[in-house]
Amino acid sequence: MTTPVPHPHLRCTRQITAKGQDLTDEQRSRVAAWLEANGVQPGEVAADEPITVEYKTDGQREWGHLICFSEYYRDHEGHRTFDYKAQQATLVRRSVQQSTALIEEGDA
């Protein structure tokens, strides 16, 4: 008896913003609205760090979309903490399930 080969799929990453990328006011507003629509507070997302969407595809459809971003870490009192070695605010890499897709530029 043979074991069937599982349906292959690819893990993909869609880059929304790049590290240190300058955004126009319109782009910043569009990304902020998209983050809010997905339950993320844009003011807590590190602007100079990349934002990506990771997902799987079999060539026909996509699934499992995760928004990945760096967020400021807060202590038990709600204050942002500082990473003295990196000489910057402490960041935590997070991901949330995407429920609302980002509107493409020019489609708004």
PDB file of N, CA and C in Angstrom:
ATOM      1  N   MET A   1       0.839  -1.176   0.000  1.00  0.00           N
ATOM      2  CA  MET A   1       0.000   0.000   0.000  1.00  0.00           C
ATOM      3  C   MET A   1       0.890   1.247   0.000  1.00  0.00           C
ATOM      4  N   THR A   2       0.567   2.205  -0.843  1.00  0.00           N
ATOM      5  CA  THR A   2       1.373   3.421  -0.927  1.00  0.00           C
ATOM      6  C   THR A   2       0.717   4.550  -0.135  1.00  0.00           C
ATOM      7  N   THR A   3       1.543   5.415   0.340  1.00  0.00           N
ATOM      8  CA  THR A   3       1.054   6.591   1.053  1.00  0.00           C
ATOM      9  C   THR A   3       0.977   7.742   0.058  1.00  0.00           C
ATOM     10  N   PRO A   4      -0.175   8.398  -0.042  1.00  0.00           N
ATOM     11  CA  PRO A   4      -0.279   9.502  -1.004  1.00  0.00           C
ATOM     12  C   PRO A   4       0.619  10.680  -0.598  1.00  0.00           C
ATOM     13  N   VAL A   5       1.130  11.350  -1.602  1.00  0.00           N
ATOM     14  CA  VAL A   5       1.955  12.527  -1.373  1.00  0.00           C
ATOM     15  C   VAL A   5       1.029  13.668  -0.938  1.00  0.00           C
ATOM     16  N   PRO A   6       1.365  14.350   0.134  1.00  0.00           N
ATOM     17  CA  PRO A   6       0.502  15.453   0.562  1.00  0.00           C
ATOM     18  C   PRO A   6       0.498  16.566  -0.484  1.00  0.00           C
ATOM     19  N   HIS A   7      -0.544  17.336  -0.461  1.00  0.00           N
ATOM     20  CA  HIS A   7      -0.622  18.459  -1.397  1.00  0.00           C
ATOM     21  C   HIS A   7       0.438  19.492  -1.013  1.00  0.00           C
ATOM     22  N   PRO A   8       1.343  19.764  -1.931  1.00  0.00           N
ATOM     23  CA  PRO A   8       2.409  20.709  -1.600  1.00  0.00           C
ATOM     24  C   PRO A   8       1.861  22.131  -1.485  1.00  0.00           C
ATOM     25  N   HIS A   9       2.473  22.886  -0.623  1.00  0.00           N
ATOM     26  CA  HIS A   9       2.137  24.298  -0.526  1.00  0.00           C
ATOM     27  C   HIS A   9       3.408  25.089  -0.225  1.00  0.00           C
ATOM     28  N   LEU A  10       3.344  26.360  -0.527  1.00  0.00           N
ATOM     29  CA  LEU A  10       4.468  27.256  -0.322  1.00  0.00           C
ATOM     30  C   LEU A  10       4.161  28.202   0.819  1.00  0.00           C
ATOM     31  N   ARG A  11       5.184  28.519   1.595  1.00  0.00           N
ATOM     32  CA  ARG A  11       5.059  29.572   2.594  1.00  0.00           C
ATOM     33  C   ARG A  11       5.591  30.840   1.946  1.00  0.00           C
ATOM     34  N   CYS A  12       4.785  31.878   1.973  1.00  0.00           N
ATOM     35  CA  CYS A  12       5.138  33.120   1.289  1.00  0.00           C
ATOM     36  C   CYS A  12       5.122  34.292   2.259  1.00  0.00           C
ATOM     37  N   THR A  13       5.874  35.319   1.907  1.00  0.00           N
ATOM     38  CA  THR A  13       5.885  36.559   2.677  1.00  0.00           C
ATOM     39  C   THR A  13       5.632  37.713   1.726  1.00  0.00           C
ATOM     40  N   ARG A  14       4.638  38.522   2.066  1.00  0.00           N
ATOM     41  CA  ARG A  14       4.322  39.737   1.301  1.00  0.00           C
ATOM     42  C   ARG A  14       4.813  40.911   2.141  1.00  0.00           C
ATOM     43  N   GLN A  15       5.733  41.684   1.589  1.00  0.00           N
ATOM     44  CA  GLN A  15       6.279  42.818   2.336  1.00  0.00           C
ATOM     45  C   GLN A  15       5.346  44.006   2.193  1.00  0.00           C
ATOM     46  N   ILE A  16       4.891  44.542   3.334  1.00  0.00           N
ATOM     47  CA  ILE A  16       4.032  45.719   3.348  1.00  0.00           C
ATOM     48  C   ILE A  16       4.891  46.964   3.464  1.00  0.00           C
ATOM     49  N   THR A  17       5.799  46.990   4.446  1.00  0.00           N
ATOM     50  CA  THR A  17       6.778  48.065   4.568  1.00  0.00           C
ATOM     51  C   THR A  17       8.149  47.441   4.839  1.00  0.00           C
ATOM     52  N   ALA A  18       9.178  48.146   4.414  1.00  0.00           N
ATOM     53  CA  ALA A  18      10.556  47.681   4.632  1.00  0.00           C
ATOM     54  C   ALA A  18      11.166  48.423   5.816  1.00  0.00           C
ATOM     55  N   LYS A  19      12.224  47.875   6.363  1.00  0.00           N
ATOM     56  CA  LYS A  19      12.920  48.513   7.482  1.00  0.00           C
ATOM     57  C   LYS A  19      13.386  49.902   7.050  1.00  0.00           C
ATOM     58  N   GLY A  20      12.979  50.933   7.793  1.00  0.00           N
ATOM     59  CA  GLY A  20      13.410  52.297   7.509  1.00  0.00           C
ATOM     60  C   GLY A  20      12.760  52.947   6.300  1.00  0.00           C
ATOM     61  N   GLN A  21      11.747  52.333   5.723  1.00  0.00           N
ATOM     62  CA  GLN A  21      11.103  52.878   4.527  1.00  0.00           C
ATOM     63  C   GLN A  21      10.339  54.161   4.860  1.00  0.00           C
ATOM     64  N   ASP A  22      10.515  55.179   4.017  1.00  0.00           N
ATOM     65  CA  ASP A  22       9.755  56.416   4.169  1.00  0.00           C
ATOM     66  C   ASP A  22       8.406  56.233   3.483  1.00  0.00           C
ATOM     67  N   LEU A  23       7.327  56.541   4.211  1.00  0.00           N
ATOM     68  CA  LEU A  23       5.979  56.434   3.652  1.00  0.00           C
ATOM     69  C   LEU A  23       5.396  57.824   3.465  1.00  0.00           C
ATOM     70  N   THR A  24       4.576  57.972   2.441  1.00  0.00           N
ATOM     71  CA  THR A  24       3.838  59.225   2.277  1.00  0.00           C
ATOM     72  C   THR A  24       2.751  59.267   3.347  1.00  0.00           C
ATOM     73  N   ASP A  25       2.164  60.425   3.554  1.00  0.00           N
ATOM     74  CA  ASP A  25       1.076  60.542   4.532  1.00  0.00           C
ATOM     75  C   ASP A  25      -0.077  59.623   4.160  1.00  0.00           C
ATOM     76  N   GLU A  26      -0.384  59.525   2.859  1.00  0.00           N
ATOM     77  CA  GLU A  26      -1.483  58.663   2.398  1.00  0.00           C
ATOM     78  C   GLU A  26      -1.163  57.196   2.678  1.00  0.00           C
ATOM     79  N   GLN A  27       0.071  56.775   2.403  1.00  0.00           N
ATOM     80  CA  GLN A  27       0.472  55.396   2.669  1.00  0.00           C
ATOM     81  C   GLN A  27       0.417  55.087   4.165  1.00  0.00           C
ATOM     82  N   ARG A  28       0.919  56.024   4.972  1.00  0.00           N
ATOM     83  CA  ARG A  28       0.912  55.833   6.424  1.00  0.00           C
ATOM     84  C   ARG A  28      -0.521  55.699   6.938  1.00  0.00           C
ATOM     85  N   SER A  29      -1.423  56.532   6.447  1.00  0.00           N
ATOM     86  CA  SER A  29      -2.837  56.472   6.859  1.00  0.00           C
ATOM     87  C   SER A  29      -3.472  55.158   6.441  1.00  0.00           C
ATOM     88  N   ARG A  30      -3.163  54.709   5.241  1.00  0.00           N
ATOM     89  CA  ARG A  30      -3.740  53.460   4.734  1.00  0.00           C
ATOM     90  C   ARG A  30      -3.256  52.254   5.544  1.00  0.00           C
ATOM     91  N   VAL A  31      -1.965  52.209   5.852  1.00  0.00           N
ATOM     92  CA  VAL A  31      -1.415  51.114   6.647  1.00  0.00           C
ATOM     93  C   VAL A  31      -1.972  51.176   8.071  1.00  0.00           C
ATOM     94  N   ALA A  32      -2.075  52.382   8.650  1.00  0.00           N
ATOM     95  CA  ALA A  32      -2.614  52.525  10.008  1.00  0.00           C
ATOM     96  C   ALA A  32      -4.070  52.065  10.070  1.00  0.00           C
ATOM     97  N   ALA A  33      -4.871  52.436   9.082  1.00  0.00           N
ATOM     98  CA  ALA A  33      -6.280  52.009   9.052  1.00  0.00           C
ATOM     99  C   ALA A  33      -6.380  50.494   8.926  1.00  0.00           C
ATOM    100  N   TRP A  34      -5.512  49.897   8.127  1.00  0.00           N
ATOM    101  CA  TRP A  34      -5.494  48.441   7.947  1.00  0.00           C
ATOM    102  C   TRP A  34      -5.099  47.737   9.244  1.00  0.00           C
ATOM    103  N   LEU A  35      -4.075  48.271   9.922  1.00  0.00           N
ATOM    104  CA  LEU A  35      -3.672  47.681  11.204  1.00  0.00           C
ATOM    105  C   LEU A  35      -4.820  47.757  12.207  1.00  0.00           C
ATOM    106  N   GLU A  36      -5.462  48.919  12.308  1.00  0.00           N
ATOM    107  CA  GLU A  36      -6.594  49.078  13.230  1.00  0.00           C
ATOM    108  C   GLU A  36      -7.719  48.105  12.904  1.00  0.00           C
ATOM    109  N   ALA A  37      -8.008  47.928  11.612  1.00  0.00           N
ATOM    110  CA  ALA A  37      -9.066  47.007  11.186  1.00  0.00           C
ATOM    111  C   ALA A  37      -8.747  45.568  11.583  1.00  0.00           C
ATOM    112  N   ASN A  38      -7.468  45.285  11.821  1.00  0.00           N
ATOM    113  CA  ASN A  38      -7.039  43.949  12.219  1.00  0.00           C
ATOM    114  C   ASN A  38      -6.714  43.859  13.708  1.00  0.00           C
ATOM    115  N   GLY A  39      -7.155  44.858  14.479  1.00  0.00           N
ATOM    116  CA  GLY A  39      -7.008  44.817  15.927  1.00  0.00           C
ATOM    117  C   GLY A  39      -5.651  45.211  16.468  1.00  0.00           C
ATOM    118  N   VAL A  40      -4.858  45.926  15.663  1.00  0.00           N
ATOM    119  CA  VAL A  40      -3.522  46.352  16.088  1.00  0.00           C
ATOM    120  C   VAL A  40      -3.548  47.863  16.285  1.00  0.00           C
ATOM    121  N   GLN A  41      -2.972  48.343  17.382  1.00  0.00           N
ATOM    122  CA  GLN A  41      -2.875  49.779  17.622  1.00  0.00           C
ATOM    123  C   GLN A  41      -1.657  50.318  16.878  1.00  0.00           C
ATOM    124  N   PRO A  42      -1.863  51.107  15.813  1.00  0.00           N
ATOM    125  CA  PRO A  42      -0.735  51.580  15.000  1.00  0.00           C
ATOM    126  C   PRO A  42       0.326  52.329  15.791  1.00  0.00           C
ATOM    127  N   GLY A  43      -0.067  53.055  16.841  1.00  0.00           N
ATOM    128  CA  GLY A  43       0.889  53.799  17.643  1.00  0.00           C
ATOM    129  C   GLY A  43       1.842  52.921  18.433  1.00  0.00           C
ATOM    130  N   GLU A  44       1.529  51.642  18.561  1.00  0.00           N
ATOM    131  CA  GLU A  44       2.391  50.701  19.278  1.00  0.00           C
ATOM    132  C   GLU A  44       3.336  49.956  18.336  1.00  0.00           C
ATOM    133  N   VAL A  45       3.153  50.132  17.029  1.00  0.00           N
ATOM    134  CA  VAL A  45       3.984  49.459  16.031  1.00  0.00           C
ATOM    135  C   VAL A  45       5.201  50.324  15.722  1.00  0.00           C
ATOM    136  N   ALA A  46       6.386  49.730  15.771  1.00  0.00           N
ATOM    137  CA  ALA A  46       7.626  50.456  15.473  1.00  0.00           C
ATOM    138  C   ALA A  46       7.654  50.817  13.989  1.00  0.00           C
ATOM    139  N   ALA A  47       7.640  52.111  13.704  1.00  0.00           N
ATOM    140  CA  ALA A  47       7.536  52.600  12.329  1.00  0.00           C
ATOM    141  C   ALA A  47       8.741  52.255  11.463  1.00  0.00           C
ATOM    142  N   ASP A  48       9.922  52.123  12.060  1.00  0.00           N
ATOM    143  CA  ASP A  48      11.133  51.856  11.275  1.00  0.00           C
ATOM    144  C   ASP A  48      11.384  50.378  11.028  1.00  0.00           C
ATOM    145  N   GLU A  49      10.534  49.512  11.553  1.00  0.00           N
ATOM    146  CA  GLU A  49      10.699  48.073  11.387  1.00  0.00           C
ATOM    147  C   GLU A  49       9.750  47.560  10.298  1.00  0.00           C
ATOM    148  N   PRO A  50      10.104  46.440   9.643  1.00  0.00           N
ATOM    149  CA  PRO A  50       9.250  45.926   8.565  1.00  0.00           C
ATOM    150  C   PRO A  50       7.910  45.392   9.066  1.00  0.00           C
ATOM    151  N   ILE A  51       6.917  45.505   8.204  1.00  0.00           N
ATOM    152  CA  ILE A  51       5.611  44.888   8.413  1.00  0.00           C
ATOM    153  C   ILE A  51       5.409  43.939   7.236  1.00  0.00           C
ATOM    154  N   THR A  52       5.081  42.688   7.534  1.00  0.00           N
ATOM    155  CA  THR A  52       4.878  41.695   6.478  1.00  0.00           C
ATOM    156  C   THR A  52       3.582  40.934   6.721  1.00  0.00           C
ATOM    157  N   VAL A  53       3.130  40.250   5.681  1.00  0.00           N
ATOM    158  CA  VAL A  53       2.032  39.300   5.805  1.00  0.00           C
ATOM    159  C   VAL A  53       2.586  37.961   5.351  1.00  0.00           C
ATOM    160  N   GLU A  54       2.533  36.966   6.239  1.00  0.00           N
ATOM    161  CA  GLU A  54       2.987  35.620   5.906  1.00  0.00           C
ATOM    162  C   GLU A  54       1.765  34.751   5.673  1.00  0.00           C
ATOM    163  N   TYR A  55       1.828  33.895   4.650  1.00  0.00           N
ATOM    164  CA  TYR A  55       0.687  33.052   4.305  1.00  0.00           C
ATOM    165  C   TYR A  55       1.164  31.823   3.564  1.00  0.00           C
ATOM    166  N   LYS A  56       0.244  30.915   3.340  1.00  0.00           N
ATOM    167  CA  LYS A  56       0.531  29.707   2.561  1.00  0.00           C
ATOM    168  C   LYS A  56      -0.294  29.745   1.288  1.00  0.00           C
ATOM    169  N   THR A  57       0.231  29.108   0.242  1.00  0.00           N
ATOM    170  CA  THR A  57      -0.503  28.994  -1.011  1.00  0.00           C
ATOM    171  C   THR A  57      -0.203  27.653  -1.669  1.00  0.00           C
ATOM    172  N   ASP A  58      -1.166  27.149  -2.397  1.00  0.00           N
ATOM    173  CA  ASP A  58      -0.951  25.940  -3.193  1.00  0.00           C
ATOM    174  C   ASP A  58      -0.938  26.288  -4.680  1.00  0.00           C
ATOM    175  N   GLY A  59      -0.860  27.573  -4.975  1.00  0.00           N
ATOM    176  CA  GLY A  59      -0.879  28.039  -6.353  1.00  0.00           C
ATOM    177  C   GLY A  59      -2.279  28.402  -6.822  1.00  0.00           C
ATOM    178  N   GLN A  60      -3.286  27.914  -6.133  1.00  0.00           N
ATOM    179  CA  GLN A  60      -4.679  28.193  -6.484  1.00  0.00           C
ATOM    180  C   GLN A  60      -5.322  29.178  -5.504  1.00  0.00           C
ATOM    181  N   ARG A  61      -4.984  29.010  -4.234  1.00  0.00           N
ATOM    182  CA  ARG A  61      -5.574  29.865  -3.206  1.00  0.00           C
ATOM    183  C   ARG A  61      -4.537  30.150  -2.129  1.00  0.00           C
ATOM    184  N   GLU A  62      -4.825  31.159  -1.300  1.00  0.00           N
ATOM    185  CA  GLU A  62      -3.964  31.529  -0.184  1.00  0.00           C
ATOM    186  C   GLU A  62      -4.736  31.321   1.105  1.00  0.00           C
ATOM    187  N   TRP A  63      -4.030  31.021   2.198  1.00  0.00           N
ATOM    188  CA  TRP A  63      -4.674  30.886   3.505  1.00  0.00           C
ATOM    189  C   TRP A  63      -3.665  31.135   4.615  1.00  0.00           C
ATOM    190  N   GLY A  64      -4.192  31.288   5.845  1.00  0.00           N
ATOM    191  CA  GLY A  64      -3.339  31.446   7.020  1.00  0.00           C
ATOM    192  C   GLY A  64      -2.590  32.762   7.071  1.00  0.00           C
ATOM    193  N   HIS A  65      -3.202  33.839   6.625  1.00  0.00           N
ATOM    194  CA  HIS A  65      -2.538  35.143   6.587  1.00  0.00           C
ATOM    195  C   HIS A  65      -2.268  35.678   7.995  1.00  0.00           C
ATOM    196  N   LEU A  66      -0.985  35.953   8.276  1.00  0.00           N
ATOM    197  CA  LEU A  66      -0.561  36.524   9.547  1.00  0.00           C
ATOM    198  C   LEU A  66       0.147  37.845   9.295  1.00  0.00           C
ATOM    199  N   ILE A  67      -0.284  38.886   9.984  1.00  0.00           N
ATOM    200  CA  ILE A  67       0.410  40.176   9.921  1.00  0.00           C
ATOM    201  C   ILE A  67       1.526  40.119  10.959  1.00  0.00           C
ATOM    202  N   CYS A  68       2.758  40.360  10.531  1.00  0.00           N
ATOM    203  CA  CYS A  68       3.926  40.292  11.410  1.00  0.00           C
ATOM    204  C   CYS A  68       4.556  41.680  11.506  1.00  0.00           C
ATOM    205  N   PHE A  69       4.848  42.107  12.745  1.00  0.00           N
ATOM    206  CA  PHE A  69       5.346  43.456  12.969  1.00  0.00           C
ATOM    207  C   PHE A  69       6.093  43.503  14.292  1.00  0.00           C
ATOM    208  N   SER A  70       6.811  44.592  14.521  1.00  0.00           N
ATOM    209  CA  SER A  70       7.490  44.816  15.794  1.00  0.00           C
ATOM    210  C   SER A  70       6.697  45.840  16.591  1.00  0.00           C
ATOM    211  N   GLU A  71       6.474  45.510  17.864  1.00  0.00           N
ATOM    212  CA  GLU A  71       5.669  46.362  18.738  1.00  0.00           C
ATOM    213  C   GLU A  71       6.525  46.767  19.935  1.00  0.00           C
ATOM    214  N   TYR A  72       6.275  47.958  20.463  1.00  0.00           N
ATOM    215  CA  TYR A  72       6.988  48.417  21.654  1.00  0.00           C
ATOM    216  C   TYR A  72       6.573  47.579  22.858  1.00  0.00           C
ATOM    217  N   TYR A  73       7.561  47.143  23.625  1.00  0.00           N
ATOM    218  CA  TYR A  73       7.295  46.369  24.834  1.00  0.00           C
ATOM    219  C   TYR A  73       6.988  47.326  25.976  1.00  0.00           C
ATOM    220  N   ARG A  74       5.977  46.983  26.765  1.00  0.00           N
ATOM    221  CA  ARG A  74       5.609  47.795  27.925  1.00  0.00           C
ATOM    222  C   ARG A  74       5.740  46.957  29.192  1.00  0.00           C
ATOM    223  N   ASP A  75       6.193  47.604  30.263  1.00  0.00           N
ATOM    224  CA  ASP A  75       6.329  46.901  31.540  1.00  0.00           C
ATOM    225  C   ASP A  75       4.965  46.767  32.215  1.00  0.00           C
ATOM    226  N   HIS A  76       4.963  46.203  33.428  1.00  0.00           N
ATOM    227  CA  HIS A  76       3.708  45.946  34.139  1.00  0.00           C
ATOM    228  C   HIS A  76       2.948  47.226  34.491  1.00  0.00           C
ATOM    229  N   GLU A  77       3.622  48.378  34.450  1.00  0.00           N
ATOM    230  CA  GLU A  77       2.958  49.657  34.710  1.00  0.00           C
ATOM    231  C   GLU A  77       2.527  50.354  33.422  1.00  0.00           C
ATOM    232  N   GLY A  78       2.796  49.720  32.279  1.00  0.00           N
ATOM    233  CA  GLY A  78       2.386  50.291  30.997  1.00  0.00           C
ATOM    234  C   GLY A  78       3.395  51.217  30.360  1.00  0.00           C
ATOM    235  N   HIS A  79       4.604  51.299  30.907  1.00  0.00           N
ATOM    236  CA  HIS A  79       5.636  52.168  30.345  1.00  0.00           C
ATOM    237  C   HIS A  79       6.483  51.406  29.324  1.00  0.00           C
ATOM    238  N   ARG A  80       6.837  52.099  28.256  1.00  0.00           N
ATOM    239  CA  ARG A  80       7.776  51.506  27.294  1.00  0.00           C
ATOM    240  C   ARG A  80       9.114  51.301  27.992  1.00  0.00           C
ATOM    241  N   THR A  81       9.781  50.207  27.655  1.00  0.00           N
ATOM    242  CA  THR A  81      11.090  49.940  28.245  1.00  0.00           C
ATOM    243  C   THR A  81      12.184  50.239  27.228  1.00  0.00           C
ATOM    244  N   PHE A  82      13.410  50.368  27.727  1.00  0.00           N
ATOM    245  CA  PHE A  82      14.542  50.727  26.883  1.00  0.00           C
ATOM    246  C   PHE A  82      15.555  49.603  26.888  1.00  0.00           C
ATOM    247  N   ASP A  83      16.042  49.230  25.702  1.00  0.00           N
ATOM    248  CA  ASP A  83      17.077  48.206  25.546  1.00  0.00           C
ATOM    249  C   ASP A  83      18.419  48.936  25.470  1.00  0.00           C
ATOM    250  N   TYR A  84      19.172  48.897  26.567  1.00  0.00           N
ATOM    251  CA  TYR A  84      20.423  49.655  26.633  1.00  0.00           C
ATOM    252  C   TYR A  84      21.491  49.102  25.696  1.00  0.00           C
ATOM    253  N   LYS A  85      21.482  47.817  25.440  1.00  0.00           N
ATOM    254  CA  LYS A  85      22.463  47.242  24.521  1.00  0.00           C
ATOM    255  C   LYS A  85      22.214  47.718  23.093  1.00  0.00           C
ATOM    256  N   ALA A  86      20.942  47.701  22.674  1.00  0.00           N
ATOM    257  CA  ALA A  86      20.590  48.135  21.314  1.00  0.00           C
ATOM    258  C   ALA A  86      20.446  49.648  21.223  1.00  0.00           C
ATOM    259  N   GLN A  87      20.396  50.316  22.393  1.00  0.00           N
ATOM    260  CA  GLN A  87      20.206  51.766  22.454  1.00  0.00           C
ATOM    261  C   GLN A  87      18.934  52.215  21.722  1.00  0.00           C
ATOM    262  N   GLN A  88      17.855  51.516  22.020  1.00  0.00           N
ATOM    263  CA  GLN A  88      16.547  51.861  21.446  1.00  0.00           C
ATOM    264  C   GLN A  88      15.456  51.293  22.348  1.00  0.00           C
ATOM    265  N   ALA A  89      14.238  51.679  22.077  1.00  0.00           N
ATOM    266  CA  ALA A  89      13.108  51.121  22.814  1.00  0.00           C
ATOM    267  C   ALA A  89      13.087  49.611  22.609  1.00  0.00           C
ATOM    268  N   THR A  90      12.653  48.880  23.634  1.00  0.00           N
ATOM    269  CA  THR A  90      12.574  47.425  23.531  1.00  0.00           C
ATOM    270  C   THR A  90      11.432  47.050  22.598  1.00  0.00           C
ATOM    271  N   LEU A  91      11.730  46.184  21.639  1.00  0.00           N
ATOM    272  CA  LEU A  91      10.734  45.748  20.660  1.00  0.00           C
ATOM    273  C   LEU A  91      10.455  44.265  20.819  1.00  0.00           C
ATOM    274  N   VAL A  92       9.226  43.890  20.533  1.00  0.00           N
ATOM    275  CA  VAL A  92       8.804  42.500  20.538  1.00  0.00           C
ATOM    276  C   VAL A  92       8.201  42.214  19.169  1.00  0.00           C
ATOM    277  N   ARG A  93       8.603  41.115  18.563  1.00  0.00           N
ATOM    278  CA  ARG A  93       8.037  40.724  17.262  1.00  0.00           C
ATOM    279  C   ARG A  93       6.718  40.024  17.529  1.00  0.00           C
ATOM    280  N   ARG A  94       5.645  40.486  16.880  1.00  0.00           N
ATOM    281  CA  ARG A  94       4.311  39.923  17.084  1.00  0.00           C
ATOM    282  C   ARG A  94       3.701  39.540  15.752  1.00  0.00           C
ATOM    283  N   SER A  95       2.665  38.728  15.840  1.00  0.00           N
ATOM    284  CA  SER A  95       1.860  38.422  14.654  1.00  0.00           C
ATOM    285  C   SER A  95       0.412  38.292  15.088  1.00  0.00           C
ATOM    286  N   VAL A  96      -0.490  38.720  14.201  1.00  0.00           N
ATOM    287  CA  VAL A  96      -1.924  38.597  14.432  1.00  0.00           C
ATOM    288  C   VAL A  96      -2.552  38.043  13.164  1.00  0.00           C
ATOM    289  N   GLN A  97      -3.634  37.329  13.336  1.00  0.00           N
ATOM    290  CA  GLN A  97      -4.370  36.790  12.187  1.00  0.00           C
ATOM    291  C   GLN A  97      -4.982  37.949  11.406  1.00  0.00           C
ATOM    292  N   GLN A  98      -4.775  37.982  10.109  1.00  0.00           N
ATOM    293  CA  GLN A  98      -5.358  39.037   9.281  1.00  0.00           C
ATOM    294  C   GLN A  98      -6.830  38.741   9.038  1.00  0.00           C
ATOM    295  N   SER A  99      -7.684  39.702   9.364  1.00  0.00           N
ATOM    296  CA  SER A  99      -9.118  39.554   9.091  1.00  0.00           C
ATOM    297  C   SER A  99      -9.573  40.477   7.968  1.00  0.00           C
ATOM    298  N   THR A 100      -8.816  41.546   7.736  1.00  0.00           N
ATOM    299  CA  THR A 100      -9.132  42.522   6.699  1.00  0.00           C
ATOM    300  C   THR A 100      -7.897  42.716   5.835  1.00  0.00           C
ATOM    301  N   ALA A 101      -8.046  42.595   4.526  1.00  0.00           N
ATOM    302  CA  ALA A 101      -6.920  42.749   3.603  1.00  0.00           C
ATOM    303  C   ALA A 101      -6.569  44.228   3.434  1.00  0.00           C
ATOM    304  N   LEU A 102      -5.315  44.493   3.147  1.00  0.00           N
ATOM    305  CA  LEU A 102      -4.845  45.848   2.879  1.00  0.00           C
ATOM    306  C   LEU A 102      -5.350  46.281   1.503  1.00  0.00           C
ATOM    307  N   ILE A 103      -5.943  47.454   1.441  1.00  0.00           N
ATOM    308  CA  ILE A 103      -6.406  48.001   0.156  1.00  0.00           C
ATOM    309  C   ILE A 103      -5.174  48.404  -0.649  1.00  0.00           C
ATOM    310  N   GLU A 104      -5.106  47.947  -1.868  1.00  0.00           N
ATOM    311  CA  GLU A 104      -3.962  48.262  -2.720  1.00  0.00           C
ATOM    312  C   GLU A 104      -3.938  49.752  -3.038  1.00  0.00           C
ATOM    313  N   GLU A 105      -2.741  50.288  -3.249  1.00  0.00           N
ATOM    314  CA  GLU A 105      -2.604  51.707  -3.585  1.00  0.00           C
ATOM    315  C   GLU A 105      -3.385  52.027  -4.844  1.00  0.00           C
ATOM    316  N   GLY A 106      -4.149  53.105  -4.786  1.00  0.00           N
ATOM    317  CA  GLY A 106      -4.948  53.497  -5.939  1.00  0.00           C
ATOM    318  C   GLY A 106      -6.328  52.882  -5.987  1.00  0.00           C
ATOM    319  N   ASP A 107      -6.615  51.881  -5.126  1.00  0.00           N
ATOM    320  CA  ASP A 107      -7.929  51.220  -5.104  1.00  0.00           C
ATOM    321  C   ASP A 107      -8.890  51.859  -4.118  1.00  0.00           C
ATOM    322  N   ALA A 108      -8.393  52.814  -3.321  1.00  0.00           N
ATOM    323  CA  ALA A 108      -9.237  53.408  -2.284  1.00  0.00           C
ATOM    324  C   ALA A 108     -10.255  54.368  -2.863  1.00  0.00           C
TER     325      ALA A 108
END
